[in-house]
């Protein structure tokens, strides 16, 4: 008799972003003809860099000829791209080996799939608020109890609160945990951790034989000096941290799909000496994954240097100017805002202690602007909304004008 994975039934509600889409579509149906301005989901909107497109076109041309056609590549990613990633990290003084890189179809899937190589009984610590995939993938893997509606938390998780008092950067847990999910620059709060703050987690992880899963997908958005773009800039991190990253928000690959995960050879955990976790992730990828698109990898290679890198940086600058416009506009109407300086996301406090979803409805009803309710990222996100800078400049300006004109708080 076939049965289902009952852990799916523990999930608190529909995934956040489809729920936003559902509510928005329902509102649009009831209000036909009204234009909605979307500052919710972090989906890039501007064209791919020309140098990246040229590289992918060149790869497609090669695939169209029998003499230059190639099929399956290495499950770990093509060697030339992994070597380029080594050089990319070298800019920040981080020394890695190509065999420690694993190219994939994106950071989100890696963030979920990484839990495959860890035992079901691992205790997981999650930043609160947090990107939903960290939470949901571990719920489905069976590492939690039931969802407690009163607290908004899953039994079994250790929540690391990120709030206004600590600048939305948590401290290591007091108790022993096994896996720690961190994201810097942070999605959704837009905060970025200092080297000292990350060092505290690295020291904790080494003492406790824990593993940090560090999401640095927004590292190219760091504009201020002194903040690490990789956890491996912190001494000792290669012994306790896995890093995931992506071309999605840097080079506009949200639909192209390309990312990477670094599993250092020196990485250890409670029952695995150095080398074992790297080998396990390699085995997992070879068993369940046939490698990233060779066309996408050609584009990723072009994005890492030369004109491709410069054009990708121009994309980042475009979205960061959007973030500046949004931040200033929200401040004009009296909202308290965070982020938007080293991140494409603005984390705005709702007025008058209004619940996140209520403020979502208010902005949609009166301003026709869609944002993301902070409560969808965890209980500590209640009372905030995330505003995304991913949008055409003219639409961002229009949305802020509508908020300034129509939002009454």
Protein backbone atom coordinates (compact mmCIF):
# COMPACT_ATOMS: atom_id res chain seq x y z
CA UNK A 1 0.00 0.00 0.00
CA UNK A 2 1.41 3.37 -1.02
CA UNK A 3 1.40 6.04 1.66
CA UNK A 4 2.35 9.69 1.69
CA UNK A 5 5.05 11.56 3.58
CA UNK A 6 2.98 12.75 6.53
CA UNK A 7 5.50 15.48 7.29
CA UNK A 8 3.97 17.53 4.48
CA UNK A 9 0.83 17.75 6.60
CA UNK A 10 2.83 19.56 9.30
CA UNK A 11 3.46 22.55 7.03
CA UNK A 12 1.68 25.51 8.55
CA UNK A 13 0.06 26.83 5.38
CA UNK A 14 0.58 27.25 1.66
CA UNK A 15 4.03 28.37 0.60
CA UNK A 16 4.30 32.12 1.15
CA UNK A 17 4.78 33.37 -2.40
CA UNK A 18 2.02 31.29 -4.06
CA UNK A 19 -0.26 32.52 -1.26
CA UNK A 20 0.60 36.12 -2.13
CA UNK A 21 -0.11 35.35 -5.80
CA UNK A 22 -3.45 33.75 -4.88
CA UNK A 23 -4.60 36.71 -2.80
CA UNK A 24 -3.43 39.18 -5.42
CA UNK A 25 -5.24 37.31 -8.20
CA UNK A 26 -8.42 37.23 -6.10
CA UNK A 27 -8.20 40.99 -5.52
CA UNK A 28 -7.57 41.59 -9.22
CA UNK A 29 -10.65 39.54 -10.10
CA UNK A 30 -12.76 41.72 -7.81
CA UNK A 31 -11.15 44.91 -9.11
CA UNK A 32 -10.78 44.45 -12.87
CA UNK A 33 -8.91 47.08 -14.83
CA UNK A 34 -6.85 48.36 -11.90
CA UNK A 35 -3.09 48.11 -12.40
CA UNK A 36 -1.21 46.34 -9.62
CA UNK A 37 2.38 47.33 -8.85
CA UNK A 38 4.40 44.39 -7.55
CA UNK A 39 7.17 44.89 -5.02
CA UNK A 40 6.76 41.49 -3.42
CA UNK A 41 8.62 38.49 -4.74
CA UNK A 42 12.36 38.87 -5.38
CA UNK A 43 12.17 38.08 -9.09
CA UNK A 44 14.58 39.99 -11.30
CA UNK A 45 13.08 42.07 -14.10
CA UNK A 46 15.91 43.50 -16.21
CA UNK A 47 17.50 41.87 -19.27
CA UNK A 48 20.45 39.52 -18.95
CA UNK A 49 23.89 41.10 -19.40
CA UNK A 50 24.85 41.18 -23.11
CA UNK A 51 28.14 39.32 -22.51
CA UNK A 52 26.24 36.55 -20.72
CA UNK A 53 23.74 36.27 -23.59
CA UNK A 54 26.58 36.14 -26.11
CA UNK A 55 28.26 33.29 -24.22
CA UNK A 56 25.05 31.29 -24.07
CA UNK A 57 24.35 31.91 -27.76
CA UNK A 58 27.83 30.67 -28.54
CA UNK A 59 27.17 27.52 -26.50
CA UNK A 60 23.87 26.94 -28.29
CA UNK A 61 25.65 27.26 -31.64
CA UNK A 62 28.17 24.66 -30.51
CA UNK A 63 25.34 22.33 -29.50
CA UNK A 64 23.79 22.70 -32.94
CA UNK A 65 26.78 21.08 -34.62
CA UNK A 66 27.56 17.39 -34.29
CA UNK A 67 31.28 18.02 -34.09
CA UNK A 68 30.94 20.38 -31.10
CA UNK A 69 27.87 18.91 -29.42
CA UNK A 70 28.17 17.86 -25.77
CA UNK A 71 25.71 15.92 -23.63
CA UNK A 72 25.96 15.22 -19.92
CA UNK A 73 28.62 17.20 -18.11
CA UNK A 74 30.13 16.55 -14.71
CA UNK A 75 27.52 16.31 -11.97
CA UNK A 76 29.71 18.66 -9.93
CA UNK A 77 29.76 21.28 -12.68
CA UNK A 78 32.06 21.84 -15.62
CA UNK A 79 35.69 22.17 -14.55
CA UNK A 80 36.24 25.52 -16.27
CA UNK A 81 33.36 27.07 -14.28
CA UNK A 82 34.50 25.64 -10.95
CA UNK A 83 38.00 26.96 -11.60
CA UNK A 84 36.51 30.38 -12.40
CA UNK A 85 34.62 30.27 -9.09
CA UNK A 86 37.88 29.54 -7.28
CA UNK A 87 39.32 32.71 -8.84
CA UNK A 88 36.16 34.65 -7.97
CA UNK A 89 36.56 33.79 -4.28
CA UNK A 90 40.25 34.56 -4.50
CA UNK A 91 39.33 38.24 -4.87
CA UNK A 92 38.28 38.19 -1.22
CA UNK A 93 41.36 36.32 -0.05
CA UNK A 94 39.49 33.00 0.17
CA UNK A 95 41.45 29.97 -1.01
CA UNK A 96 39.34 27.02 -2.16
CA UNK A 97 39.78 24.01 -4.41
CA UNK A 98 37.64 23.27 -7.50
CA UNK A 99 36.66 19.90 -5.97
CA UNK A 100 34.97 21.80 -3.14
CA UNK A 101 32.53 23.51 -5.55
CA UNK A 102 29.32 21.90 -6.74
CA UNK A 103 27.42 23.73 -9.47
CA UNK A 104 23.64 23.36 -9.37
CA UNK A 105 20.37 24.77 -10.68
CA UNK A 106 20.16 27.33 -7.90
CA UNK A 107 20.69 28.13 -4.24
CA UNK A 108 17.09 27.44 -3.23
CA UNK A 109 17.18 23.80 -4.28
CA UNK A 110 20.59 23.32 -2.66
CA UNK A 111 19.33 24.87 0.59
CA UNK A 112 16.63 22.19 0.66
CA UNK A 113 18.67 19.29 -0.70
CA UNK A 114 21.58 19.70 1.69
CA UNK A 115 19.53 18.24 4.51
CA UNK A 116 19.71 14.88 2.67
CA UNK A 117 23.26 14.30 3.91
CA UNK A 118 22.41 14.90 7.58
CA UNK A 119 20.63 12.61 10.01
CA UNK A 120 16.95 13.00 10.77
CA UNK A 121 17.66 13.56 14.46
CA UNK A 122 19.80 16.66 13.94
CA UNK A 123 18.58 19.67 15.93
CA UNK A 124 18.16 22.65 13.61
CA UNK A 125 18.55 26.34 14.45
CA UNK A 126 16.84 28.83 12.15
CA UNK A 127 17.12 32.60 11.98
CA UNK A 128 13.75 34.12 12.75
CA UNK A 129 12.58 35.61 10.43
CA UNK A 130 13.97 33.31 7.72
CA UNK A 131 13.59 32.46 4.06
CA UNK A 132 10.83 29.80 4.09
CA UNK A 133 12.74 27.02 2.30
CA UNK A 134 15.10 26.56 5.27
CA UNK A 135 12.13 25.85 7.50
CA UNK A 136 9.86 23.92 5.16
CA UNK A 137 12.52 21.53 3.83
CA UNK A 138 13.47 20.45 7.35
CA UNK A 139 9.83 20.06 8.33
CA UNK A 140 9.29 17.76 5.35
CA UNK A 141 12.47 15.85 6.28
CA UNK A 142 10.91 15.04 9.66
CA UNK A 143 13.15 17.11 11.93
CA UNK A 144 10.30 18.88 13.74
CA UNK A 145 7.17 18.23 15.67
CA UNK A 146 3.87 19.87 14.90
CA UNK A 147 3.32 23.56 14.19
CA UNK A 148 2.11 25.50 17.22
CA UNK A 149 -0.40 28.10 16.04
CA UNK A 150 -0.20 30.11 19.25
CA UNK A 151 3.55 30.70 19.04
CA UNK A 152 3.82 30.48 15.25
CA UNK A 153 6.67 28.00 15.66
CA UNK A 154 7.43 24.37 14.98
CA UNK A 155 8.22 22.20 17.96
CA UNK A 156 11.78 20.94 17.68
CA UNK A 157 13.34 23.95 15.95
CA UNK A 158 15.60 26.37 17.81
CA UNK A 159 14.66 29.88 16.71
CA UNK A 160 17.35 32.57 16.64
CA UNK A 161 15.43 35.80 16.99
CA UNK A 162 16.45 38.68 14.73
CA UNK A 163 14.84 41.93 15.81
CA UNK A 164 15.31 45.67 16.04
CA UNK A 165 17.24 45.33 19.29
CA UNK A 166 20.00 43.16 17.78
CA UNK A 167 20.00 44.80 14.36
CA UNK A 168 18.35 41.69 12.90
CA UNK A 169 21.54 39.67 13.38
CA UNK A 170 21.08 36.90 15.97
CA UNK A 171 23.58 35.49 18.45
CA UNK A 172 24.53 31.81 18.58
CA UNK A 173 22.10 29.64 20.54
CA UNK A 174 22.54 28.95 24.22
CA UNK A 175 21.85 25.23 23.82
CA UNK A 176 23.61 22.73 21.59
CA UNK A 177 22.29 22.46 18.03
CA UNK A 178 23.57 20.51 15.05
CA UNK A 179 22.65 22.53 11.95
CA UNK A 180 22.48 26.33 11.78
CA UNK A 181 20.95 28.20 8.83
CA UNK A 182 22.32 31.72 8.35
CA UNK A 183 21.76 34.20 5.51
CA UNK A 184 23.81 37.38 5.00
CA UNK A 185 22.95 39.78 3.48
CA UNK A 186 19.72 38.60 4.98
CA UNK A 187 16.52 37.75 3.21
CA UNK A 188 14.08 39.17 4.34
CA UNK A 189 15.47 41.82 6.71
CA UNK A 190 18.26 43.24 4.53
CA UNK A 191 20.72 43.14 7.44
CA UNK A 192 24.33 42.06 6.93
CA UNK A 193 26.58 40.36 9.47
CA UNK A 194 30.00 41.64 10.45
CA UNK A 195 33.03 39.37 10.55
CA UNK A 196 32.89 39.45 14.35
CA UNK A 197 29.25 38.34 14.37
CA UNK A 198 29.99 35.46 12.01
CA UNK A 199 33.09 34.54 14.01
CA UNK A 200 30.85 33.97 17.04
CA UNK A 201 28.88 31.38 15.06
CA UNK A 202 32.03 29.76 13.67
CA UNK A 203 33.50 29.43 17.15
CA UNK A 204 30.23 27.99 18.44
CA UNK A 205 30.02 25.49 15.57
CA UNK A 206 33.60 24.29 16.06
CA UNK A 207 33.05 23.83 19.81
CA UNK A 208 29.85 21.86 19.27
CA UNK A 209 30.75 19.97 16.06
CA UNK A 210 27.83 21.76 14.40
CA UNK A 211 27.49 22.68 10.72
CA UNK A 212 26.52 26.14 9.48
CA UNK A 213 24.62 26.34 6.18
CA UNK A 214 25.42 29.85 5.02
CA UNK A 215 23.36 31.46 2.26
CA UNK A 216 25.35 34.25 0.57
CA UNK A 217 23.11 34.65 -2.48
CA UNK A 218 23.06 38.44 -2.05
CA UNK A 219 26.77 38.93 -1.39
CA UNK A 220 27.26 41.11 -4.48
CA UNK A 221 24.81 43.63 -2.98
CA UNK A 222 27.15 44.56 -0.13
CA UNK A 223 28.07 48.19 -0.79
CA UNK A 224 29.69 49.17 2.51
CA UNK A 225 33.26 48.28 3.42
CA UNK A 226 34.11 45.84 6.19
CA UNK A 227 31.43 43.21 5.69
CA UNK A 228 32.45 39.70 4.59
CA UNK A 229 30.97 38.41 1.32
CA UNK A 230 31.79 34.81 2.20
CA UNK A 231 31.79 33.04 5.53
CA UNK A 232 35.19 31.64 4.55
CA UNK A 233 36.64 35.08 5.17
CA UNK A 234 36.25 34.10 8.84
CA UNK A 235 39.08 32.02 10.25
CA UNK A 236 38.08 28.42 10.87
CA UNK A 237 34.88 28.52 8.80
CA UNK A 238 36.15 25.84 6.40
CA UNK A 239 35.93 23.38 9.30
CA UNK A 240 32.27 24.03 10.09
CA UNK A 241 30.43 25.78 7.23
CA UNK A 242 28.79 25.01 3.90
CA UNK A 243 28.16 28.03 1.67
CA UNK A 244 25.51 28.34 -1.03
CA UNK A 245 25.32 31.08 -3.64
CA UNK A 246 23.62 31.85 -6.92
CA UNK A 247 23.78 33.76 -10.20
CA UNK A 248 20.06 34.57 -9.86
CA UNK A 249 20.17 37.97 -8.19
CA UNK A 250 23.66 38.94 -9.35
CA UNK A 251 23.32 38.27 -13.08
CA UNK A 252 19.55 37.91 -13.50
CA UNK A 253 19.51 34.10 -13.68
CA UNK A 254 16.23 33.65 -11.80
CA UNK A 255 14.78 31.82 -14.81
CA UNK A 256 18.05 30.58 -16.30
CA UNK A 257 18.79 28.70 -13.04
CA UNK A 258 22.40 28.39 -11.90
CA UNK A 259 24.02 28.36 -8.48
CA UNK A 260 26.72 26.62 -6.49
CA UNK A 261 27.45 25.08 -3.12
CA UNK A 262 30.84 24.88 -1.41
CA UNK A 263 31.52 21.86 0.81
CA UNK A 264 35.11 22.18 2.04
CA UNK A 265 37.25 19.09 2.40
CA UNK A 266 38.11 20.27 5.94
CA UNK A 267 34.45 20.31 7.01
CA UNK A 268 33.65 18.08 9.98
CA UNK A 269 30.67 17.20 12.14
CA UNK A 270 29.91 14.98 15.12
CA UNK A 271 30.38 11.62 13.39
CA UNK A 272 32.23 12.64 10.22
CA UNK A 273 35.90 13.63 10.06
CA UNK A 274 37.25 15.92 7.35
CA UNK A 275 36.48 14.79 3.81
CA UNK A 276 33.35 12.77 4.60
CA UNK A 277 30.73 15.50 4.11
CA UNK A 278 32.34 16.58 0.84
CA UNK A 279 32.19 12.96 -0.33
CA UNK A 280 28.58 12.55 0.82
CA UNK A 281 27.41 15.66 -1.04
CA UNK A 282 29.31 14.50 -4.11
CA UNK A 283 27.56 11.13 -3.88
CA UNK A 284 24.20 12.79 -3.39
CA UNK A 285 24.65 14.96 -6.47
CA UNK A 286 25.95 12.10 -8.62
CA UNK A 287 22.98 9.95 -7.58
CA UNK A 288 20.14 12.46 -7.84
CA UNK A 289 21.40 15.15 -10.23
CA UNK A 290 22.74 15.09 -13.78
CA UNK A 291 24.44 18.46 -13.59
CA UNK A 292 23.40 22.02 -14.36
CA UNK A 293 22.53 23.12 -17.89
CA UNK A 294 25.68 23.44 -20.00
CA UNK A 295 24.14 26.54 -21.61
CA UNK A 296 23.56 28.16 -18.23
CA UNK A 297 27.10 27.28 -17.13
CA UNK A 298 28.53 29.05 -20.17
CA UNK A 299 26.58 32.15 -19.14
CA UNK A 300 27.72 31.84 -15.54
CA UNK A 301 31.34 31.64 -16.61
CA UNK A 302 30.93 34.86 -18.62
CA UNK A 303 29.38 36.61 -15.60
CA UNK A 304 32.39 36.05 -13.37
CA UNK A 305 34.92 38.26 -15.14
CA UNK A 306 35.48 40.90 -17.81
CA UNK A 307 32.50 42.56 -19.49
CA UNK A 308 30.11 39.99 -18.03
CA UNK A 309 31.11 40.87 -14.49
CA UNK A 310 30.96 44.62 -15.14
CA UNK A 311 27.51 44.28 -16.72
CA UNK A 312 26.30 42.11 -13.83
CA UNK A 313 27.54 44.72 -11.39
CA UNK A 314 25.56 47.32 -13.35
CA UNK A 315 22.44 45.20 -12.79
CA UNK A 316 23.12 45.15 -9.06
CA UNK A 317 23.58 48.93 -9.06
CA UNK A 318 20.26 49.33 -10.89
CA UNK A 319 18.36 47.37 -8.25
CA UNK A 320 20.19 49.13 -5.42
CA UNK A 321 19.07 52.49 -6.81
CA UNK A 322 15.53 51.10 -6.75
CA UNK A 323 16.11 50.16 -3.11
CA UNK A 324 17.19 53.72 -2.33
CA UNK A 325 14.05 55.12 -3.96
CA UNK A 326 11.84 52.70 -2.03
CA UNK A 327 13.54 53.35 1.29
CA UNK A 328 13.28 57.11 0.95
CA UNK A 329 9.66 56.90 -0.18
CA UNK A 330 8.60 54.75 2.76
CA UNK A 331 10.36 57.07 5.19
CA UNK A 332 8.45 60.00 3.68
CA UNK A 333 5.12 58.46 4.71
CA UNK A 334 6.39 57.87 8.23
CA UNK A 335 7.40 54.22 8.17
CA UNK A 336 10.44 52.88 9.99
CA UNK A 337 12.63 51.02 7.50
CA UNK A 338 15.68 48.80 7.64
CA UNK A 339 17.84 47.20 4.95
CA UNK A 340 18.14 48.44 1.40
CA UNK A 341 21.80 49.48 1.85
CA UNK A 342 23.63 46.16 1.50
CA UNK A 343 20.63 44.26 0.22
CA UNK A 344 17.90 44.59 -2.42
CA UNK A 345 15.24 44.22 0.27
CA UNK A 346 13.71 46.88 2.50
CA UNK A 347 12.27 45.65 5.79
CA UNK A 348 9.53 48.08 6.81
CA UNK A 349 7.77 48.20 10.15
CA UNK A 350 4.00 48.26 9.88
CA UNK A 351 2.27 51.35 11.30
CA UNK A 352 0.42 51.31 14.60
CA UNK A 353 1.32 47.67 15.37
CA UNK A 354 -0.76 46.54 12.40
CA UNK A 355 -0.46 42.80 11.59
CA UNK A 356 1.63 42.05 8.51
CA UNK A 357 -1.19 40.60 6.42
CA UNK A 358 -3.48 43.50 7.37
CA UNK A 359 -0.88 45.97 6.09
CA UNK A 360 -0.49 43.84 2.96
CA UNK A 361 -4.25 44.23 2.39
CA UNK A 362 -4.15 47.96 3.11
CA UNK A 363 -1.38 48.59 0.59
CA UNK A 364 -3.14 46.49 -2.02
CA UNK A 365 -6.56 48.07 -1.44
CA UNK A 366 -5.53 51.71 -1.22
CA UNK A 367 -2.24 51.91 -3.13
CA UNK A 368 -2.51 48.87 -5.43
CA UNK A 369 1.00 47.81 -4.36
CA UNK A 370 1.96 44.24 -3.48
CA UNK A 371 4.59 43.58 -0.81
CA UNK A 372 5.47 40.48 1.23
CA UNK A 373 4.04 40.10 4.76
CA UNK A 374 6.84 39.64 7.27
CA UNK A 375 4.91 37.02 9.23
CA UNK A 376 5.36 34.69 6.27
CA UNK A 377 9.05 34.49 7.19
CA UNK A 378 8.42 33.42 10.78
CA UNK A 379 6.93 34.73 14.02
CA UNK A 380 9.59 37.43 14.48
CA UNK A 381 8.55 38.84 11.10
CA UNK A 382 5.12 39.80 12.39
CA UNK A 383 4.67 43.55 12.30
CA UNK A 384 6.91 44.00 9.23
CA UNK A 385 6.68 43.73 5.46
CA UNK A 386 9.44 43.04 2.97
CA UNK A 387 9.58 45.36 -0.03
CA UNK A 388 11.57 44.15 -3.02
CA UNK A 389 13.63 46.42 -5.24
CA UNK A 390 13.31 44.03 -8.17
CA UNK A 391 11.23 45.92 -10.69
CA UNK A 392 11.44 48.28 -13.63
CA UNK A 393 12.52 51.74 -12.43
CA UNK A 394 9.39 53.39 -13.80
CA UNK A 395 7.18 50.91 -11.94
CA UNK A 396 9.08 51.42 -8.69
CA UNK A 397 8.68 55.19 -9.00
CA UNK A 398 4.98 54.76 -9.78
CA UNK A 399 4.48 52.47 -6.79
CA UNK A 400 6.17 54.86 -4.39
CA UNK A 401 4.16 57.79 -5.76
CA UNK A 402 0.97 55.82 -5.14
CA UNK A 403 2.02 55.01 -1.57
CA UNK A 404 2.96 58.63 -0.86
CA UNK A 405 -0.37 59.84 -2.27
CA UNK A 406 -2.77 57.22 -0.96
CA UNK A 407 -1.44 55.60 2.20
CA UNK A 408 -3.08 57.07 5.26
CA UNK A 409 -1.58 55.96 8.58
